[in-house]
Protein backbone atom coordinates (compact mmCIF):
# COMPACT_ATOMS: atom_id res chain seq x y z
CA MET A 1 -67.51 83.15 -63.21
CA TYR A 2 -69.70 86.23 -62.92
CA CYS A 3 -71.51 88.39 -65.45
CA ILE A 4 -72.19 91.92 -64.28
CA PHE A 5 -75.92 92.59 -64.59
CA THR A 6 -76.06 96.10 -63.14
CA GLY A 7 -73.48 98.44 -61.62
CA LYS A 8 -69.72 98.82 -61.99
CA VAL A 9 -66.83 96.69 -60.75
CA GLY A 10 -63.22 97.78 -60.33
CA ILE A 11 -60.43 95.31 -61.08
CA TYR A 12 -57.28 95.62 -58.99
CA LYS A 13 -53.95 93.80 -59.11
CA SER A 14 -50.84 93.71 -56.99
CA LYS A 15 -47.31 93.74 -58.34
CA ASP A 16 -46.05 92.15 -55.13
CA LEU A 17 -46.83 88.43 -55.55
CA ASP A 18 -45.65 85.31 -53.77
CA GLU A 19 -44.14 82.26 -55.52
CA ASP A 20 -47.66 80.94 -56.29
CA GLY A 21 -48.65 84.17 -58.01
CA ARG A 22 -50.90 85.31 -55.16
CA LYS A 23 -50.91 88.79 -53.64
CA LYS A 24 -48.71 89.10 -50.58
CA PRO A 25 -50.64 90.29 -47.50
CA GLY A 26 -50.41 94.04 -47.04
CA SER A 27 -49.09 94.72 -50.55
CA PRO A 28 -50.71 97.68 -52.35
CA MET A 29 -53.37 97.15 -54.99
CA HIS A 30 -53.37 99.03 -58.31
CA PHE A 31 -56.47 99.89 -60.34
CA VAL A 32 -56.48 98.05 -63.67
CA ALA A 33 -59.95 98.40 -65.18
CA GLU A 34 -63.59 99.29 -64.64
CA LEU A 35 -66.11 96.72 -65.82
CA LYS A 36 -69.74 97.51 -66.65
CA PRO A 37 -72.91 95.50 -67.30
CA TYR A 38 -72.57 92.39 -69.48
CA GLU A 39 -68.84 92.08 -68.88
CA ILE A 40 -67.43 88.89 -67.35
CA ILE A 41 -65.30 88.43 -64.20
CA GLY A 42 -63.45 85.28 -63.16
CA GLU A 43 -63.45 83.47 -66.47
CA LEU A 44 -59.76 82.53 -66.32
CA SER A 45 -60.18 80.64 -63.05
CA VAL A 46 -63.22 78.77 -64.37
CA LEU A 47 -61.88 77.96 -67.82
CA HIS A 48 -58.30 77.10 -66.83
CA GLY A 49 -58.73 76.01 -63.20
CA THR A 50 -56.07 78.49 -62.07
CA PRO A 51 -56.07 80.77 -59.02
CA ARG A 52 -57.54 84.21 -59.56
CA THR A 53 -55.12 86.86 -60.77
CA ALA A 54 -56.96 90.00 -59.67
CA THR A 55 -59.38 91.37 -57.09
CA ALA A 56 -62.83 92.61 -58.09
CA ILE A 57 -64.55 95.26 -55.96
CA ALA A 58 -68.01 96.73 -56.59
CA LEU A 59 -67.70 100.47 -57.20
CA GLU A 60 -71.43 101.03 -56.71
CA GLU A 61 -74.47 98.89 -56.01
CA THR A 62 -73.95 95.93 -58.33
CA GLU A 63 -75.83 92.77 -59.27
CA VAL A 64 -74.09 89.82 -60.89
CA ILE A 65 -75.19 86.54 -62.41
CA VAL A 66 -73.16 83.59 -61.11
CA LEU A 67 -72.19 80.90 -63.61
CA GLU A 68 -70.61 77.95 -61.84
CA LYS A 69 -68.13 75.73 -63.67
CA ALA A 70 -70.47 72.71 -63.76
CA VAL A 71 -73.21 74.82 -65.34
CA TYR A 72 -70.75 76.33 -67.82
CA ASP A 73 -69.50 72.85 -68.78
CA ASN A 74 -73.07 71.63 -69.36
CA VAL A 75 -73.93 74.67 -71.47
CA MET A 76 -70.84 74.09 -73.63
CA LYS A 77 -71.92 70.46 -74.27
CA VAL A 78 -75.24 71.52 -75.81
CA LYS A 79 -75.20 71.52 -79.60
CA LEU A 80 -76.93 74.50 -81.12
CA ALA A 81 -79.39 73.61 -83.90
């Protein structure tokens, strides 16, 4: 899972998927959304353990913070006082 720190990221999807829900090679990509700082990418794969459903491409110089599943799981175990 990634949190955009600076920059912009374009989200693209394909309508031409294989039986596993993955993009078929060579199929066209369609612009879906533009994400900006403090927005999250890849949360569905981390939270549900499913394959990614879209492609993220930096639209300009971009920095992200990586939050791996193990770290996310540990953070969620902490009880807030």
